[in-house]
Protein backbone atom coordinates (compact mmCIF):
# COMPACT_ATOMS: atom_id res chain seq x y z
CA MET A 1 -58.05 -31.31 5.81
CA SER A 2 -55.40 -30.24 8.19
CA SER A 3 -52.55 -27.95 7.35
CA THR A 4 -49.34 -27.09 9.07
CA ALA A 5 -47.94 -23.64 9.15
CA ALA A 6 -44.83 -23.14 7.09
CA PRO A 7 -41.81 -22.35 9.18
CA ALA A 8 -40.72 -18.77 9.14
CA SER A 9 -38.00 -18.35 6.56
CA ILE A 10 -34.76 -16.69 7.47
CA PRO A 11 -34.28 -13.61 5.32
CA PRO A 12 -31.28 -14.04 3.04
CA THR A 13 -28.27 -11.82 3.44
CA PRO A 14 -28.58 -8.95 0.96
CA ALA A 15 -26.25 -9.42 -1.97
CA ASN A 16 -23.74 -6.80 -3.02
CA SER A 17 -23.80 -5.81 -6.66
CA PRO A 18 -20.44 -6.29 -8.42
CA GLN A 19 -20.26 -2.59 -9.27
CA ARG A 20 -20.78 -1.57 -5.65
CA VAL A 21 -18.24 -4.08 -4.37
CA LEU A 22 -15.55 -3.08 -6.82
CA LEU A 23 -16.17 0.64 -6.29
CA ALA A 24 -16.07 0.29 -2.50
CA SER A 25 -12.85 -1.72 -2.58
CA LEU A 26 -11.23 0.61 -5.12
CA ILE A 27 -12.20 3.97 -3.69
CA GLY A 28 -11.12 3.11 -0.16
CA THR A 29 -7.63 1.99 -1.11
CA THR A 30 -7.29 4.94 -3.51
CA ILE A 31 -7.97 7.33 -0.63
CA GLU A 32 -5.72 5.45 1.75
CA PHE A 33 -2.81 5.35 -0.68
CA PHE A 34 -3.35 8.99 -1.62
CA ASP A 35 -2.93 9.89 2.04
CA PHE A 36 0.08 7.63 2.31
CA TYR A 37 1.80 9.03 -0.79
CA ILE A 38 1.31 12.69 0.00
CA TYR A 39 3.31 11.98 3.14
CA ALA A 40 5.98 10.17 1.11
CA THR A 41 6.26 13.13 -1.27
CA ALA A 42 6.32 15.69 1.54
CA ALA A 43 8.91 13.61 3.40
CA VAL A 44 11.30 14.21 0.50
CA LEU A 45 10.36 17.76 -0.54
CA VAL A 46 9.09 19.55 2.59
CA PHE A 47 9.60 17.91 5.97
CA PRO A 48 13.44 18.01 6.00
CA HIS A 49 13.24 21.82 5.84
CA LEU A 50 10.32 22.42 8.23
CA PHE A 51 10.65 19.69 10.85
CA PHE A 52 14.41 18.98 10.89
CA PRO A 53 16.01 22.36 10.05
CA GLU A 54 18.88 22.12 12.54
CA SER A 55 20.48 19.15 10.74
CA SER A 56 22.57 19.11 7.59
CA ASP A 57 20.71 18.56 4.31
CA LYS A 58 21.62 14.86 4.15
CA ALA A 59 20.91 14.25 7.82
CA ALA A 60 17.56 16.06 7.60
CA MET A 61 16.58 13.92 4.61
CA LEU A 62 17.48 10.71 6.46
CA GLN A 63 15.58 11.84 9.57
CA SER A 64 12.54 12.65 7.47
CA LEU A 65 12.72 9.24 5.78
CA ALA A 66 12.93 7.68 9.26
CA THR A 67 9.52 9.19 10.13
CA PHE A 68 8.28 7.82 6.81
CA ALA A 69 9.29 4.35 8.03
CA VAL A 70 7.30 4.74 11.28
CA ALA A 71 4.06 3.90 9.45
CA PHE A 72 5.40 0.52 8.43
CA ILE A 73 6.04 -0.31 12.08
CA ALA A 74 2.44 0.67 12.81
CA ARG A 75 0.91 -1.37 10.02
CA PRO A 76 1.22 -4.80 11.71
CA VAL A 77 -0.36 -3.23 14.80
CA GLY A 78 -3.22 -2.12 12.56
CA SER A 79 -3.37 -5.63 11.14
CA ALA A 80 -3.77 -7.06 14.64
CA VAL A 81 -6.31 -4.52 15.86
CA PHE A 82 -8.49 -4.16 12.77
CA GLY A 83 -7.94 -7.77 11.75
CA HIS A 84 -9.29 -8.92 15.11
CA PHE A 85 -12.52 -7.00 14.63
CA GLY A 86 -12.67 -7.78 10.92
CA ASP A 87 -12.60 -11.51 11.72
CA ARG A 88 -14.90 -11.14 14.73
CA ILE A 89 -17.61 -8.63 13.79
CA GLY A 90 -17.26 -8.28 10.02
CA ARG A 91 -15.51 -6.61 7.11
CA LYS A 92 -17.79 -3.61 6.64
CA ALA A 93 -17.61 -1.94 10.07
CA THR A 94 -13.88 -2.54 10.31
CA LEU A 95 -13.23 -0.98 6.91
CA VAL A 96 -15.12 2.15 7.97
CA ALA A 97 -13.08 2.45 11.18
CA ALA A 98 -9.78 1.97 9.32
CA LEU A 99 -10.66 4.68 6.80
CA LEU A 100 -11.51 7.11 9.60
CA THR A 101 -8.25 6.39 11.41
CA MET A 102 -6.17 7.02 8.31
CA GLY A 103 -8.12 10.12 7.30
CA LEU A 104 -7.99 11.81 10.69
CA SER A 105 -4.24 11.24 10.98
CA THR A 106 -3.67 12.72 7.53
CA VAL A 107 -5.71 15.86 8.20
CA LEU A 108 -3.86 16.43 11.48
CA ILE A 109 -0.51 16.34 9.66
CA GLY A 110 -1.73 19.22 7.52
CA LEU A 111 -2.48 21.24 10.66
CA LEU A 112 0.77 20.58 12.56
CA PRO A 113 2.99 23.47 13.69
CA THR A 114 6.57 23.33 12.47
CA HIS A 115 9.92 23.14 14.28
CA ALA A 116 10.19 26.93 14.16
CA GLN A 117 6.96 27.20 16.16
CA ILE A 118 7.17 24.45 18.79
CA GLY A 119 10.67 23.02 18.50
CA LEU A 120 11.21 19.29 19.01
CA TRP A 121 7.50 18.71 19.59
CA ALA A 122 6.98 19.21 15.85
CA PRO A 123 8.87 16.09 14.64
CA ALA A 124 7.47 14.11 17.58
CA LEU A 125 3.87 14.96 16.62
CA LEU A 126 4.69 14.29 12.98
CA ALA A 127 5.90 10.81 13.86
CA LEU A 128 2.77 10.22 15.97
CA CYS A 129 0.44 11.17 13.11
CA ARG A 130 2.50 9.04 10.77
CA PHE A 131 1.96 6.13 13.16
CA GLY A 132 -1.78 6.77 12.90
CA GLN A 133 -1.56 6.65 9.10
CA GLY A 134 0.17 3.29 9.28
CA LEU A 135 -2.37 2.01 11.80
CA GLY A 136 -5.26 2.84 9.47
CA LEU A 137 -3.63 1.45 6.35
CA GLY A 138 -2.71 -1.73 8.24
CA GLY A 139 -6.41 -2.40 8.69
CA GLU A 140 -7.61 -0.99 5.39
CA TRP A 141 -5.81 -3.05 2.81
CA GLY A 142 -6.77 -6.52 4.04
CA GLY A 143 -10.42 -5.64 4.39
CA ALA A 144 -10.59 -4.11 0.93
CA VAL A 145 -9.01 -7.19 -0.65
CA LEU A 146 -11.42 -9.50 1.19
CA LEU A 147 -14.39 -7.34 0.25
CA ALA A 148 -13.46 -7.93 -3.39
CA THR A 149 -12.25 -11.55 -3.35
CA GLU A 150 -14.99 -12.88 -1.05
CA ASN A 151 -17.62 -11.45 -3.38
CA ALA A 152 -15.90 -12.73 -6.54
CA PRO A 153 -17.61 -15.30 -8.81
CA PRO A 154 -15.74 -18.56 -9.56
CA GLY A 155 -12.69 -18.12 -11.76
CA LYS A 156 -12.47 -14.36 -11.22
CA ARG A 157 -10.95 -14.09 -7.78
CA ALA A 158 -7.69 -12.54 -8.97
CA TRP A 159 -9.58 -10.19 -11.29
CA TYR A 160 -11.77 -8.92 -8.46
CA GLY A 161 -8.79 -8.85 -6.11
CA MET A 162 -6.87 -6.50 -8.37
CA PHE A 163 -9.37 -3.63 -7.89
CA PRO A 164 -8.10 -2.74 -4.40
CA GLN A 165 -4.58 -2.94 -5.86
CA LEU A 166 -5.50 -0.33 -8.46
CA GLY A 167 -5.94 2.08 -5.57
CA ALA A 168 -2.13 2.27 -5.30
CA PRO A 169 -1.45 3.81 -8.75
CA LEU A 170 -4.60 5.93 -8.63
CA GLY A 171 -3.67 7.27 -5.20
CA PHE A 172 -0.16 8.03 -6.41
CA LEU A 173 -1.44 9.84 -9.51
CA LEU A 174 -3.69 12.01 -7.36
CA SER A 175 -0.85 12.70 -4.94
CA ALA A 176 1.77 13.53 -7.56
CA GLY A 177 -0.79 15.50 -9.55
CA ILE A 178 -1.78 17.77 -6.71
CA PHE A 179 1.84 18.46 -5.77
CA LEU A 180 2.61 19.17 -9.43
CA ILE A 181 -0.30 21.63 -9.67
CA LEU A 182 0.71 23.37 -6.44
CA GLY A 183 4.27 23.64 -7.73
CA ARG A 184 2.99 25.40 -10.84
CA LEU A 185 0.56 27.74 -9.03
CA LEU A 186 2.63 28.70 -5.99
CA SER A 187 6.06 30.15 -5.50
CA ALA A 188 8.66 27.99 -3.77
CA ASP A 189 8.31 30.07 -0.57
CA ASP A 190 4.51 29.90 -0.53
CA PHE A 191 4.59 26.17 -1.17
CA LEU A 192 7.03 25.62 1.69
CA GLN A 193 5.18 27.92 4.10
CA TRP A 194 1.60 26.78 3.60
CA GLY A 195 0.92 25.20 0.21
CA TRP A 196 2.12 21.74 1.21
CA ARG A 197 -0.70 21.58 3.78
CA ILE A 198 -3.47 21.66 1.16
CA PRO A 199 -3.31 17.97 0.09
CA PHE A 200 -3.38 16.79 3.71
CA VAL A 201 -6.38 18.90 4.73
CA ALA A 202 -8.22 18.30 1.44
CA SER A 203 -8.09 14.54 2.02
CA ALA A 204 -11.03 15.03 4.40
CA LEU A 205 -13.28 15.43 1.34
CA LEU A 206 -12.08 12.15 -0.13
CA VAL A 207 -12.58 10.36 3.19
CA GLY A 208 -16.17 11.59 3.32
CA LEU A 209 -16.78 10.18 -0.16
CA GLY A 210 -15.22 6.84 0.81
CA LEU A 211 -17.35 6.57 3.92
CA TRP A 212 -20.52 7.22 1.94
CA VAL A 213 -19.69 4.38 -0.47
CA ARG A 214 -18.67 1.89 2.23
CA LEU A 215 -21.66 2.51 4.48
CA ASN A 216 -23.86 1.26 1.64
CA ILE A 217 -22.38 -2.23 1.27
CA HIS A 218 -23.35 -5.50 2.96
CA GLU A 219 -21.24 -8.15 4.62
CA THR A 220 -19.37 -10.56 2.33
CA PRO A 221 -21.04 -13.96 1.66
CA ALA A 222 -17.98 -15.93 2.86
CA PHE A 223 -17.85 -14.17 6.21
CA GLN A 224 -21.62 -14.38 6.60
CA LYS A 225 -21.37 -18.16 6.19
CA ALA A 226 -18.72 -18.24 8.91
CA LEU A 227 -21.05 -16.27 11.19
CA ASP A 228 -23.96 -18.61 10.47
CA ALA A 229 -21.77 -21.66 11.16
CA HIS A 230 -20.42 -20.10 14.38
CA ALA A 231 -16.91 -20.56 12.96
CA ARG A 232 -15.42 -17.40 14.39
CA VAL A 233 -12.29 -17.79 16.51
CA LYS A 234 -11.85 -15.96 19.81
CA LEU A 235 -8.40 -14.52 19.13
CA PRO A 236 -7.63 -14.45 15.39
CA MET A 237 -4.07 -13.21 15.89
CA LEU A 238 -3.24 -16.06 18.27
CA THR A 239 -4.74 -18.57 15.85
CA VAL A 240 -2.66 -17.21 12.96
CA LEU A 241 0.57 -17.32 14.97
CA ARG A 242 -0.15 -20.79 16.36
CA ASP A 243 -1.69 -22.61 13.39
CA HIS A 244 -0.53 -20.66 10.33
CA ALA A 245 2.97 -19.47 11.23
CA MET A 246 4.71 -20.95 8.17
CA PRO A 247 2.20 -19.60 5.60
CA MET A 248 2.43 -16.22 7.36
CA LEU A 249 6.24 -16.19 7.10
CA LEU A 250 6.36 -17.37 3.49
CA GLY A 251 3.52 -15.06 2.50
CA THR A 252 5.44 -12.14 4.02
CA LEU A 253 8.58 -13.00 2.08
CA GLY A 254 6.46 -13.62 -1.02
CA ALA A 255 5.46 -9.93 -0.98
CA PHE A 256 8.92 -8.68 0.05
CA ALA A 257 10.25 -7.68 -3.39
CA THR A 258 6.97 -5.95 -4.21
CA PHE A 259 7.55 -3.39 -1.48
CA VAL A 260 11.27 -2.96 -2.11
CA LEU A 261 10.69 -2.27 -5.80
CA PHE A 262 7.85 0.18 -5.33
CA TYR A 263 9.53 2.38 -2.74
CA LEU A 264 12.77 2.40 -4.70
CA MET A 265 10.83 3.59 -7.75
CA THR A 266 8.90 6.28 -5.87
CA VAL A 267 10.43 7.65 -2.67
CA PHE A 268 14.10 6.84 -3.30
CA ALA A 269 13.95 7.71 -7.00
CA LEU A 270 12.33 11.09 -6.25
CA GLY A 271 14.91 11.97 -3.63
CA HIS A 272 17.92 10.79 -5.65
CA GLY A 273 16.61 12.23 -8.90
CA THR A 274 16.07 15.72 -7.49
CA ALA A 275 18.89 15.96 -4.94
CA VAL A 276 21.69 14.12 -6.77
CA LEU A 277 20.87 13.87 -10.47
CA GLY A 278 19.66 17.46 -10.77
CA TYR A 279 16.11 17.04 -12.07
CA SER A 280 13.56 19.60 -10.88
CA ARG A 281 10.77 18.53 -8.56
CA GLU A 282 8.08 19.22 -11.17
CA GLN A 283 9.99 17.43 -13.93
CA PHE A 284 10.57 14.31 -11.90
CA LEU A 285 7.02 14.16 -10.56
CA LEU A 286 5.76 14.36 -14.14
CA LEU A 287 8.07 11.51 -15.17
CA GLN A 288 6.84 9.46 -12.22
CA MET A 289 3.23 10.09 -13.15
CA VAL A 290 3.85 8.68 -16.63
CA GLY A 291 5.57 5.69 -15.06
CA ILE A 292 2.61 5.13 -12.75
CA LEU A 293 0.40 4.64 -15.82
CA PHE A 294 2.54 1.62 -16.64
CA PHE A 295 2.12 0.47 -13.03
CA ALA A 296 -1.64 0.66 -13.45
CA ALA A 297 -1.44 -1.20 -16.78
CA GLY A 298 0.53 -4.08 -15.26
CA ILE A 299 -2.05 -4.79 -12.55
CA PRO A 300 -4.97 -6.04 -14.74
CA ILE A 301 -2.56 -7.96 -16.99
CA SER A 302 -1.13 -9.89 -14.05
CA ALA A 303 -4.59 -10.38 -12.53
CA ARG A 304 -5.84 -11.95 -15.76
CA TYR A 305 -2.91 -14.37 -15.81
CA GLY A 306 -3.34 -14.91 -12.07
CA ASP A 307 -6.77 -16.42 -12.74
CA ARG A 308 -5.37 -18.46 -15.63
CA TRP A 309 -2.02 -19.68 -14.23
CA GLY A 310 -2.46 -19.16 -10.49
CA THR A 311 -1.37 -16.16 -8.46
CA ARG A 312 1.78 -17.81 -7.08
CA ARG A 313 3.16 -18.73 -10.49
CA THR A 314 2.38 -15.28 -11.87
CA MET A 315 4.29 -13.62 -9.03
CA ILE A 316 7.28 -15.95 -9.53
CA ILE A 317 7.56 -14.89 -13.17
CA ALA A 318 7.24 -11.20 -12.25
CA SER A 319 9.90 -11.55 -9.54
CA GLY A 320 12.30 -13.15 -12.03
CA LEU A 321 11.88 -10.14 -14.29
CA ILE A 322 12.60 -7.86 -11.32
CA VAL A 323 15.99 -9.59 -10.89
CA VAL A 324 16.87 -8.64 -14.47
CA PHE A 325 15.67 -5.08 -13.90
CA GLY A 326 17.89 -4.77 -10.82
CA VAL A 327 20.94 -5.33 -13.03
CA LEU A 328 19.74 -2.55 -15.38
CA LEU A 329 18.95 -0.03 -12.64
CA ALA A 330 22.26 1.86 -12.53
CA PRO A 331 22.77 2.22 -16.32
CA MET A 332 19.22 3.55 -16.81
CA PHE A 333 18.93 5.98 -13.87
CA GLN A 334 21.32 8.74 -14.93
CA ALA A 335 21.55 12.53 -14.90
CA GLY A 336 20.88 14.53 -18.05
CA SER A 337 18.80 11.79 -19.72
CA PRO A 338 15.12 12.39 -18.95
CA TRP A 339 13.99 9.96 -21.66
CA MET A 340 16.17 7.22 -20.19
CA VAL A 341 14.83 8.01 -16.72
CA LEU A 342 11.29 7.81 -18.11
CA ALA A 343 12.09 4.38 -19.56
CA PHE A 344 13.59 3.36 -16.22
CA LEU A 345 10.51 4.45 -14.26
CA SER A 346 8.06 2.98 -16.78
CA LEU A 347 9.76 -0.41 -16.88
CA GLY A 348 10.26 -0.65 -13.13
CA LEU A 349 6.71 0.39 -12.32
CA PHE A 350 5.25 -1.92 -14.98
CA LEU A 351 7.06 -4.81 -13.26
CA MET A 352 5.65 -3.50 -10.00
CA GLY A 353 2.15 -3.86 -11.46
CA LEU A 354 2.90 -7.42 -12.53
CA THR A 355 3.88 -8.48 -9.01
CA TYR A 356 1.35 -6.29 -7.17
CA GLY A 357 -1.79 -7.19 -9.13
CA PRO A 358 -2.17 -10.79 -7.84
CA CYS A 359 -0.51 -10.13 -4.47
CA GLY A 360 -3.70 -9.44 -2.52
CA THR A 361 -5.51 -12.48 -3.87
CA PHE A 362 -2.44 -14.65 -3.29
CA LEU A 363 -2.24 -13.68 0.39
CA ALA A 364 -5.99 -14.10 0.92
CA GLU A 365 -5.88 -17.62 -0.55
CA ILE A 366 -3.43 -19.00 2.00
CA TYR A 367 -5.68 -18.39 5.04
CA PRO A 368 -9.07 -19.83 6.03
CA VAL A 369 -11.97 -17.39 6.18
CA GLU A 370 -12.15 -17.19 9.99
CA VAL A 371 -8.64 -15.65 10.22
CA ARG A 372 -8.26 -14.33 6.70
CA TYR A 373 -8.52 -10.63 7.55
CA THR A 374 -5.85 -10.91 10.25
CA GLY A 375 -3.57 -13.29 8.36
CA ALA A 376 -3.55 -11.57 4.97
CA SER A 377 -3.16 -8.14 6.55
CA LEU A 378 -0.36 -9.33 8.78
CA SER A 379 1.65 -10.90 5.94
CA PHE A 380 1.18 -7.84 3.74
CA ASN A 381 2.19 -5.38 6.43
CA LEU A 382 5.11 -7.41 7.74
CA ALA A 383 6.35 -7.41 4.16
CA GLY A 384 6.02 -3.64 4.35
CA ILE A 385 8.30 -3.53 7.38
CA LEU A 386 10.91 -5.77 5.77
CA GLY A 387 10.67 -4.32 2.28
CA ALA A 388 9.35 -0.78 2.23
CA ALA A 389 10.30 0.74 5.58
CA PRO A 390 14.10 0.49 5.15
CA ALA A 391 14.12 0.73 1.34
CA PRO A 392 14.38 4.54 0.83
CA TYR A 393 16.78 4.94 3.76
CA LEU A 394 18.98 1.96 2.85
CA ALA A 395 19.00 2.77 -0.87
CA THR A 396 20.01 6.37 -0.13
CA TRP A 397 22.89 5.13 2.04
CA LEU A 398 23.98 2.55 -0.54
CA ALA A 399 23.90 5.09 -3.37
CA GLU A 400 26.00 7.56 -1.40
CA ARG A 401 28.52 4.94 -0.29
CA PHE A 402 28.75 2.52 -3.22
CA GLY A 403 26.79 4.03 -6.10
CA LEU A 404 23.56 3.00 -7.84
CA VAL A 405 24.96 -0.41 -8.76
CA ALA A 406 24.63 -1.40 -5.09
CA VAL A 407 20.98 -0.30 -5.11
CA GLY A 408 20.38 -2.57 -8.10
CA TYR A 409 21.97 -5.53 -6.33
CA TYR A 410 19.81 -4.80 -3.29
CA LEU A 411 16.72 -5.13 -5.50
CA CYS A 412 18.05 -8.35 -7.06
CA ILE A 413 18.55 -9.94 -3.64
CA ALA A 414 15.03 -8.94 -2.56
CA ALA A 415 13.52 -10.52 -5.70
CA LEU A 416 15.49 -13.74 -5.21
CA VAL A 417 14.28 -14.01 -1.61
CA THR A 418 10.70 -13.60 -2.84
CA ILE A 419 11.12 -16.28 -5.51
CA CYS A 420 12.43 -18.77 -2.93
CA ALA A 421 9.46 -18.05 -0.64
CA LEU A 422 6.92 -18.44 -3.44
CA LEU A 423 8.47 -21.73 -4.51
CA ALA A 424 8.36 -22.99 -0.93
CA LEU A 425 4.75 -22.04 -0.35
CA GLN A 426 2.27 -24.37 -2.03
CA ARG A 427 -0.80 -22.48 -3.13
CA ARG A 428 -3.65 -23.19 -0.72
CA VAL A 429 -7.15 -22.18 -1.77
CA ARG A 430 -9.77 -22.12 0.95
């Protein structure tokens, strides 16, 4: 009786546990957004005094906000660089590299000499490190979203995809919390001289934790199938620009209002609330932290409806509500009414959660797996350039020139542009 040897079986790709996937996607974006927000807070409270002291108060604030915008210019570059390797060699290794890039840039900011020590080199080095932050975040976000959505079971893609989005409110809470604690423990002079450096240098500990988690995950099943089928493209960026230009454009505009709203509610609101409306730094940060809880609450709500109704429809409804909120912005954001300001921040940031929760899944759905890292990252970060980069600067200028009503109309226009883009883009699930 003859027998034939069984062919050697190919070992299956190790599966990621849901807990590990969700933790890895959440912790990475939490760290990245923590790093990003401590810069945003310092750009309003510290950098105008230490890096632009020769300018008037208003000019120094605008110059500091200009360095804040540098990261949004860098983010599409990060999308191209990290997206290329994410679509060529895999999600895991690219996510580790992006986290290191962001973390190193943040720590270096905490070690920079000031204008008083090295003159004009100080703001130049600050802008360079800020570029590095944007480069890392440009590669981080897309990979974290794909890590979650490409491991999601059927019918739960938006739910899994909202975990990286939760990193935004968690990172902000950590950022605002540490600045609030430092404000309570240190004098104003000590905080300005050296205390502001602590959050930047301490981020090294968080980066180490994030690396430990991410080095213990496996490649996503969807990308592994693309590898096995030899479906990788040679130049993902070129393929996106050539074959997916319209989805890229509409996806960018579909996330436009998300960025405008968030940076109006955080960076602009902090600057205007403390410099113009007369609230103390600690008081306003505390109000923002309460508002961020509503931001975090809106994300799972919208993700649940994103799986039920579709991510595009959910974002259209949220954007319509943002139009209404834009009309209410000026009456609610007033001096001498902390409870009204709290309601303003809570409502605005809750709407932010409703539009932000399904955003990552929505952008991932409109690209095929072989260019998904590059395409989703590019749309998200181009939306950052259009929406977030000019928002604090433009809103500050509008408020000074025309009042807060103009800032509200600015938000309304952004939301209407987003609604038109979402209506034009048919949801494509790959």
